[in-house]
């Protein structure tokens, strides 16, 4: 079964779940806690009938006597057998029906639909602003799946080559040829403009122990960036060693790409030697490599166990090579954060942006920052 829901349109899942609630009420099941049902399904896999079934049975059945009728409506509405038919629930049903928190009468469906429809979106919005380090396993899986919906835009640069345009500079050659085609008579002027091309982007992702809970999300973010411009994007990981994982990111599936990258990265959750890693990167990939004229995105908390002076020197060196440097710190947006760590202090003079990256929402903003000209 590829999907439990019938209509693949983007707004169909919420509409179909609300329709299921209405079908239950028409059959005699009160289903007053519809808001809780939508909030629960927003965090689950709608392609799994088990997830939707138990979410509804936990929130929409007011008493054990509702279960047989709930099973019947579930099977009829979703056209699949009720997964929990004949099985004891993994929770305890109460004998009282929960009242709707909105206080809306069951007969007033038009008003209720307006209030229920945003419930799932609201739950997803709250999850998007949660700190990734505080998510449980199910929530982490939900956030990981949400990365596939992100659409990155590569930063652009102008080139010396021109392309035809309706405005810009007069294209003398094309204008002259157009006049010759008209026998020397005056003809329309032709224009051209500088042709844009994607600017190179380099992702440097810290996979040391202090970044363990965030590294997976940063790699997923880099995978979305790579998908936008695979020919001009490079991805590296670093901790105690610098590893180029760009070939692994060529696979369109994020899970496969991250699994392949994990097989070639030797220093997951190890120590951090930022200065030495930046030195190795600048030496091998800097002056005549992909970093020249590129937007370099460094994803790290700046925890330096080595000499911070070396890190500062190498970041200044990278600044002279790169077009722009964006440093993503998972603690930047937290209320009690101050850039006082020795590693961060040493790189501040050399970076263009120091931005947060602790939640899905802040990571989505990183892609916008990278795309800026």
Protein backbone atom coordinates (compact mmCIF):
# COMPACT_ATOMS: atom_id res chain seq x y z
CA UNK A 1 0.00 0.00 0.00
CA UNK A 2 1.67 3.25 -1.11
CA UNK A 3 -0.74 5.66 0.59
CA UNK A 4 -3.71 5.32 2.89
CA UNK A 5 -5.30 8.50 1.51
CA UNK A 6 -7.15 8.53 -1.79
CA UNK A 7 -6.40 11.95 -3.28
CA UNK A 8 -2.73 12.86 -3.85
CA UNK A 9 -3.45 16.62 -3.92
CA UNK A 10 -1.50 18.61 -1.32
CA UNK A 11 -4.58 19.61 0.75
CA UNK A 12 -6.29 16.24 0.40
CA UNK A 13 -4.92 14.54 3.55
CA UNK A 14 -6.46 17.05 5.99
CA UNK A 15 -9.72 17.18 4.03
CA UNK A 16 -10.00 13.40 3.96
CA UNK A 17 -9.26 13.07 7.67
CA UNK A 18 -11.96 15.62 8.44
CA UNK A 19 -14.32 13.66 6.19
CA UNK A 20 -13.53 10.55 8.22
CA UNK A 21 -14.47 12.43 11.42
CA UNK A 22 -17.78 13.43 9.86
CA UNK A 23 -18.43 9.85 8.75
CA UNK A 24 -17.89 8.68 12.35
CA UNK A 25 -20.34 11.24 13.68
CA UNK A 26 -22.93 10.29 11.08
CA UNK A 27 -22.55 6.67 12.18
CA UNK A 28 -23.08 7.56 15.84
CA UNK A 29 -19.52 7.90 17.15
CA UNK A 30 -19.18 11.31 18.79
CA UNK A 31 -15.57 11.92 17.78
CA UNK A 32 -15.40 15.15 19.76
CA UNK A 33 -11.59 15.27 20.03
CA UNK A 34 -11.08 15.81 16.29
CA UNK A 35 -8.44 18.48 16.90
CA UNK A 36 -6.32 15.99 18.85
CA UNK A 37 -6.76 13.46 16.05
CA UNK A 38 -5.47 15.88 13.40
CA UNK A 39 -2.59 16.98 15.62
CA UNK A 40 -1.61 13.34 16.17
CA UNK A 41 -1.75 12.39 12.49
CA UNK A 42 0.39 15.41 11.59
CA UNK A 43 3.26 13.70 13.40
CA UNK A 44 2.68 10.24 11.93
CA UNK A 45 3.06 8.53 8.58
CA UNK A 46 -0.23 8.91 6.68
CA UNK A 47 0.83 6.08 4.39
CA UNK A 48 0.54 3.60 7.27
CA UNK A 49 -2.97 2.47 8.13
CA UNK A 50 -1.80 1.37 11.60
CA UNK A 51 -0.67 4.90 12.48
CA UNK A 52 -3.91 6.57 11.40
CA UNK A 53 -6.06 3.84 12.94
CA UNK A 54 -4.56 3.98 16.42
CA UNK A 55 -4.38 7.77 16.39
CA UNK A 56 -8.12 7.87 15.68
CA UNK A 57 -9.00 5.09 18.09
CA UNK A 58 -7.12 6.88 20.89
CA UNK A 59 -8.70 10.27 20.29
CA UNK A 60 -12.08 9.72 18.62
CA UNK A 61 -13.54 6.79 20.58
CA UNK A 62 -15.16 8.02 23.78
CA UNK A 63 -15.78 4.55 25.22
CA UNK A 64 -15.00 0.88 24.47
CA UNK A 65 -18.50 0.56 23.01
CA UNK A 66 -17.52 2.88 20.15
CA UNK A 67 -14.72 0.61 18.92
CA UNK A 68 -16.75 -1.87 16.79
CA UNK A 69 -18.51 0.97 14.98
CA UNK A 70 -15.22 2.85 14.62
CA UNK A 71 -13.65 -0.24 13.02
CA UNK A 72 -16.52 -0.51 10.55
CA UNK A 73 -16.37 3.16 9.51
CA UNK A 74 -12.57 3.08 9.27
CA UNK A 75 -12.62 0.10 6.89
CA UNK A 76 -15.38 1.63 4.77
CA UNK A 77 -13.87 5.11 4.57
CA UNK A 78 -10.23 4.18 3.88
CA UNK A 79 -11.06 0.95 2.03
CA UNK A 80 -8.65 -1.12 4.10
CA UNK A 81 -9.32 -3.60 6.94
CA UNK A 82 -9.25 -2.02 10.40
CA UNK A 83 -5.75 -2.92 11.72
CA UNK A 84 -6.89 -3.14 15.35
CA UNK A 85 -10.06 -5.19 14.89
CA UNK A 86 -10.17 -7.85 17.60
CA UNK A 87 -7.01 -6.56 19.31
CA UNK A 88 -6.70 -4.83 22.66
CA UNK A 89 -5.54 -1.21 22.40
CA UNK A 90 -2.08 -0.17 23.61
CA UNK A 91 -3.82 2.45 25.79
CA UNK A 92 -6.76 2.65 28.18
CA UNK A 93 -10.08 4.00 26.92
CA UNK A 94 -12.07 6.12 29.34
CA UNK A 95 -15.81 5.88 29.78
CA UNK A 96 -16.44 9.58 29.26
CA UNK A 97 -16.53 11.39 25.94
CA UNK A 98 -14.10 14.31 25.73
CA UNK A 99 -15.73 17.60 24.95
CA UNK A 100 -14.51 19.65 22.03
CA UNK A 101 -12.06 22.28 23.12
CA UNK A 102 -13.55 24.65 20.57
CA UNK A 103 -17.09 24.25 21.91
CA UNK A 104 -18.47 23.87 18.37
CA UNK A 105 -21.70 21.94 17.97
CA UNK A 106 -21.47 18.79 15.86
CA UNK A 107 -24.15 20.06 13.50
CA UNK A 108 -22.25 23.19 12.58
CA UNK A 109 -19.80 21.50 10.19
CA UNK A 110 -18.88 24.53 8.10
CA UNK A 111 -17.57 26.43 11.11
CA UNK A 112 -15.87 23.34 12.51
CA UNK A 113 -14.05 22.60 9.26
CA UNK A 114 -12.51 26.06 9.31
CA UNK A 115 -11.13 25.36 12.79
CA UNK A 116 -10.08 21.75 12.25
CA UNK A 117 -8.30 22.20 8.91
CA UNK A 118 -5.37 24.24 10.31
CA UNK A 119 -4.88 21.87 13.26
CA UNK A 120 -2.49 19.55 11.48
CA UNK A 121 -0.60 22.46 9.98
CA UNK A 122 -0.32 24.11 13.40
CA UNK A 123 1.18 20.96 14.91
CA UNK A 124 3.69 20.73 12.07
CA UNK A 125 4.54 24.41 12.52
CA UNK A 126 5.27 23.92 16.20
CA UNK A 127 7.46 20.94 15.39
CA UNK A 128 9.36 22.98 12.81
CA UNK A 129 10.43 25.45 15.51
CA UNK A 130 11.47 22.84 18.07
CA UNK A 131 15.15 22.33 18.81
CA UNK A 132 16.31 19.23 16.92
CA UNK A 133 18.25 18.13 19.99
CA UNK A 134 15.00 17.91 22.00
CA UNK A 135 12.99 15.76 19.55
CA UNK A 136 12.15 12.14 20.27
CA UNK A 137 12.66 9.40 17.68
CA UNK A 138 9.25 9.79 16.04
CA UNK A 139 9.53 13.58 15.85
CA UNK A 140 13.06 13.33 14.43
CA UNK A 141 11.77 11.04 11.71
CA UNK A 142 8.99 13.50 10.89
CA UNK A 143 11.46 16.38 10.60
CA UNK A 144 13.84 14.27 8.49
CA UNK A 145 11.02 13.52 6.06
CA UNK A 146 10.15 17.23 5.84
CA UNK A 147 13.53 18.05 4.28
CA UNK A 148 12.38 16.50 1.00
CA UNK A 149 9.90 19.36 0.61
CA UNK A 150 12.63 22.05 0.71
CA UNK A 151 13.54 23.59 -2.61
CA UNK A 152 16.96 25.22 -2.73
CA UNK A 153 18.05 27.93 -5.17
CA UNK A 154 21.71 28.20 -6.12
CA UNK A 155 23.36 31.61 -5.83
CA UNK A 156 23.95 33.14 -9.24
CA UNK A 157 26.81 35.13 -10.73
CA UNK A 158 27.10 37.07 -13.96
CA UNK A 159 29.56 35.98 -16.64
CA UNK A 160 31.30 37.68 -19.53
CA UNK A 161 29.08 35.91 -21.98
CA UNK A 162 25.91 37.56 -23.20
CA UNK A 163 22.45 36.29 -24.03
CA UNK A 164 19.62 37.93 -26.03
CA UNK A 165 17.33 40.11 -23.97
CA UNK A 166 14.48 42.58 -24.36
CA UNK A 167 16.45 45.19 -22.46
CA UNK A 168 20.04 45.91 -21.54
CA UNK A 169 22.86 46.96 -23.87
CA UNK A 170 22.43 47.23 -27.62
CA UNK A 171 23.75 44.15 -29.38
CA UNK A 172 25.59 45.82 -32.24
CA UNK A 173 26.24 42.62 -34.19
CA UNK A 174 22.66 41.33 -34.13
CA UNK A 175 21.27 44.80 -34.78
CA UNK A 176 23.50 45.20 -37.86
CA UNK A 177 22.54 41.78 -39.21
CA UNK A 178 18.86 42.62 -38.68
CA UNK A 179 19.34 45.80 -40.70
CA UNK A 180 21.04 43.89 -43.52
CA UNK A 181 18.11 41.50 -43.68
CA UNK A 182 15.92 44.54 -44.35
CA UNK A 183 18.08 45.74 -47.21
CA UNK A 184 19.85 48.36 -45.18
CA UNK A 185 16.64 49.98 -44.04
CA UNK A 186 16.27 50.87 -40.33
CA UNK A 187 15.21 47.86 -38.30
CA UNK A 188 14.48 47.02 -34.69
CA UNK A 189 17.43 47.24 -32.36
CA UNK A 190 18.51 44.03 -30.65
CA UNK A 191 19.64 43.91 -27.03
CA UNK A 192 21.65 41.55 -24.87
CA UNK A 193 22.62 41.11 -21.22
CA UNK A 194 25.23 39.28 -19.18
CA UNK A 195 24.28 35.61 -18.83
CA UNK A 196 23.98 34.36 -15.21
CA UNK A 197 25.44 31.06 -14.05
CA UNK A 198 25.20 29.20 -10.74
CA UNK A 199 27.91 30.17 -8.30
CA UNK A 200 29.79 27.35 -6.60
CA UNK A 201 28.65 26.36 -3.10
CA UNK A 202 30.81 24.44 -0.62
CA UNK A 203 29.32 22.82 2.49
CA UNK A 204 31.67 22.09 5.40
CA UNK A 205 29.78 20.07 8.03
CA UNK A 206 31.06 19.36 11.53
CA UNK A 207 30.39 15.71 12.50
CA UNK A 208 32.26 15.75 15.82
CA UNK A 209 30.79 14.60 19.11
CA UNK A 210 29.44 18.02 20.10
CA UNK A 211 27.51 18.17 16.80
CA UNK A 212 26.18 14.61 16.88
CA UNK A 213 22.48 15.51 17.27
CA UNK A 214 22.60 18.13 14.49
CA UNK A 215 24.91 16.55 11.92
CA UNK A 216 22.19 14.43 10.30
CA UNK A 217 19.96 17.46 9.68
CA UNK A 218 22.86 19.51 8.31
CA UNK A 219 23.74 16.72 5.89
CA UNK A 220 20.12 16.55 4.75
CA UNK A 221 20.18 20.29 4.21
CA UNK A 222 23.35 20.00 2.12
CA UNK A 223 21.67 17.23 0.11
CA UNK A 224 18.86 19.62 -0.81
CA UNK A 225 21.41 22.23 -1.80
CA UNK A 226 23.28 19.67 -3.90
CA UNK A 227 20.04 18.70 -5.67
CA UNK A 228 19.56 22.32 -6.79
CA UNK A 229 22.97 22.54 -8.50
CA UNK A 230 24.88 19.23 -8.50
CA UNK A 231 27.62 20.45 -10.87
CA UNK A 232 28.58 23.43 -8.72
CA UNK A 233 28.15 22.03 -5.20
CA UNK A 234 30.72 20.30 -3.02
CA UNK A 235 30.10 18.69 0.40
CA UNK A 236 32.75 17.91 3.04
CA UNK A 237 32.60 16.61 6.59
CA UNK A 238 35.19 17.30 9.25
CA UNK A 239 36.01 16.44 12.85
CA UNK A 240 39.50 15.09 13.20
CA UNK A 241 39.74 14.50 9.44
CA UNK A 242 38.47 16.25 6.33
CA UNK A 243 36.38 13.99 4.08
CA UNK A 244 34.86 14.79 0.68
CA UNK A 245 31.42 13.17 0.50
CA UNK A 246 30.20 14.84 -2.71
CA UNK A 247 30.02 11.57 -4.72
CA UNK A 248 27.66 10.09 -2.12
CA UNK A 249 25.30 13.06 -2.47
CA UNK A 250 24.79 12.38 -6.16
CA UNK A 251 22.06 9.90 -5.23
CA UNK A 252 18.63 11.61 -5.31
CA UNK A 253 17.38 9.76 -2.22
CA UNK A 254 18.57 11.43 0.99
CA UNK A 255 18.55 8.22 3.04
CA UNK A 256 20.76 6.43 0.53
CA UNK A 257 23.06 9.44 0.19
CA UNK A 258 23.53 9.78 3.96
CA UNK A 259 24.05 6.05 4.40
CA UNK A 260 26.72 6.05 1.69
CA UNK A 261 28.39 9.09 3.24
CA UNK A 262 28.37 7.39 6.62
CA UNK A 263 30.34 4.50 5.19
CA UNK A 264 33.21 6.74 4.04
CA UNK A 265 33.40 9.21 6.96
CA UNK A 266 35.93 7.84 9.49
CA UNK A 267 35.48 10.39 12.30
CA UNK A 268 31.79 10.44 13.24
CA UNK A 269 31.21 11.75 16.79
CA UNK A 270 34.91 12.17 17.44
CA UNK A 271 36.99 15.15 18.43
CA UNK A 272 37.29 18.55 16.76
CA UNK A 273 40.34 20.18 15.22
CA UNK A 274 38.79 23.07 13.31
CA UNK A 275 42.03 24.92 12.66
CA UNK A 276 43.79 21.91 11.20
CA UNK A 277 40.75 21.00 9.10
CA UNK A 278 40.50 24.52 7.66
CA UNK A 279 44.21 24.42 6.93
CA UNK A 280 43.80 21.11 5.04
CA UNK A 281 40.77 22.44 3.16
CA UNK A 282 42.44 25.67 2.06
CA UNK A 283 45.56 23.83 0.98
CA UNK A 284 43.82 21.24 -1.16
CA UNK A 285 40.50 22.78 -2.17
CA UNK A 286 41.04 26.50 -1.77
CA UNK A 287 43.17 28.67 -4.04
CA UNK A 288 42.63 26.66 -7.23
CA UNK A 289 39.76 24.50 -6.04
CA UNK A 290 35.98 24.81 -5.65
CA UNK A 291 36.22 27.32 -2.80
CA UNK A 292 37.50 30.08 -5.06
CA UNK A 293 34.65 32.52 -5.70
CA UNK A 294 32.20 30.21 -3.89
CA UNK A 295 29.68 30.60 -1.12
CA UNK A 296 31.17 28.55 1.72
CA UNK A 297 28.72 27.26 4.35
CA UNK A 298 30.34 26.09 7.59
CA UNK A 299 27.99 24.15 9.89
CA UNK A 300 29.61 23.94 13.31
CA UNK A 301 29.23 25.02 16.91
CA UNK A 302 32.77 26.41 16.81
CA UNK A 303 34.04 24.18 19.60
CA UNK A 304 37.80 24.23 18.99
CA UNK A 305 40.06 21.91 20.97
CA UNK A 306 43.17 23.03 19.17
CA UNK A 307 44.77 26.42 18.71
CA UNK A 308 42.08 29.06 17.98
CA UNK A 309 44.74 31.33 16.46
CA UNK A 310 45.33 28.75 13.71
CA UNK A 311 41.59 28.64 13.03
CA UNK A 312 41.46 32.43 12.77
CA UNK A 313 44.39 32.48 10.34
CA UNK A 314 42.88 29.84 8.08
CA UNK A 315 39.45 31.48 8.07
CA UNK A 316 41.09 34.76 7.07
CA UNK A 317 42.85 32.86 4.31
CA UNK A 318 39.57 31.32 3.18
CA UNK A 319 37.92 34.76 3.25
CA UNK A 320 40.38 36.01 0.65
CA UNK A 321 39.42 33.11 -1.63
CA UNK A 322 35.67 32.73 -1.18
CA UNK A 323 32.91 35.04 -2.37
CA UNK A 324 30.98 34.78 0.89
CA UNK A 325 31.21 32.73 4.12
CA UNK A 326 28.09 31.74 6.05
CA UNK A 327 28.62 30.12 9.46
CA UNK A 328 25.68 28.10 10.79
CA UNK A 329 25.76 27.57 14.56
CA UNK A 330 23.07 25.38 16.22
CA UNK A 331 23.20 27.54 19.37
CA UNK A 332 23.06 30.95 17.70
CA UNK A 333 19.30 31.54 18.18
CA UNK A 334 19.07 30.23 21.73
CA UNK A 335 18.23 32.89 24.35
CA UNK A 336 21.32 32.36 26.51
CA UNK A 337 23.82 32.16 23.66
CA UNK A 338 26.73 34.57 23.29
CA UNK A 339 29.58 34.17 20.73
CA UNK A 340 32.29 33.87 23.35
CA UNK A 341 33.74 30.45 22.50
CA UNK A 342 37.37 30.74 21.43
CA UNK A 343 36.65 29.15 18.03
CA UNK A 344 33.76 31.48 17.21
CA UNK A 345 35.61 34.55 18.44
CA UNK A 346 38.54 33.76 16.16
CA UNK A 347 36.38 33.37 13.02
CA UNK A 348 34.01 36.32 13.50
CA UNK A 349 36.23 38.83 11.63
CA UNK A 350 36.33 36.55 8.58
CA UNK A 351 32.70 35.49 8.13
CA UNK A 352 29.86 37.37 6.47
CA UNK A 353 26.96 35.82 8.36
CA UNK A 354 26.61 34.00 11.69
CA UNK A 355 23.14 32.45 11.73
CA UNK A 356 21.25 29.88 13.76
CA UNK A 357 20.56 26.30 12.76
CA UNK A 358 18.88 24.44 15.63
CA UNK A 359 15.44 23.75 14.13
CA UNK A 360 13.87 22.84 10.82
CA UNK A 361 12.64 26.42 10.37
CA UNK A 362 16.08 27.95 10.91
CA UNK A 363 17.68 25.40 8.59
CA UNK A 364 15.17 26.24 5.86
CA UNK A 365 16.27 29.87 6.29
CA UNK A 366 19.88 28.81 5.70
CA UNK A 367 19.00 27.85 2.12
CA UNK A 368 17.62 31.36 1.57
CA UNK A 369 20.81 32.89 2.94
CA UNK A 370 22.94 30.74 0.64
CA UNK A 371 20.90 31.83 -2.41
CA UNK A 372 21.45 35.54 -1.74
CA UNK A 373 23.61 37.27 -4.33
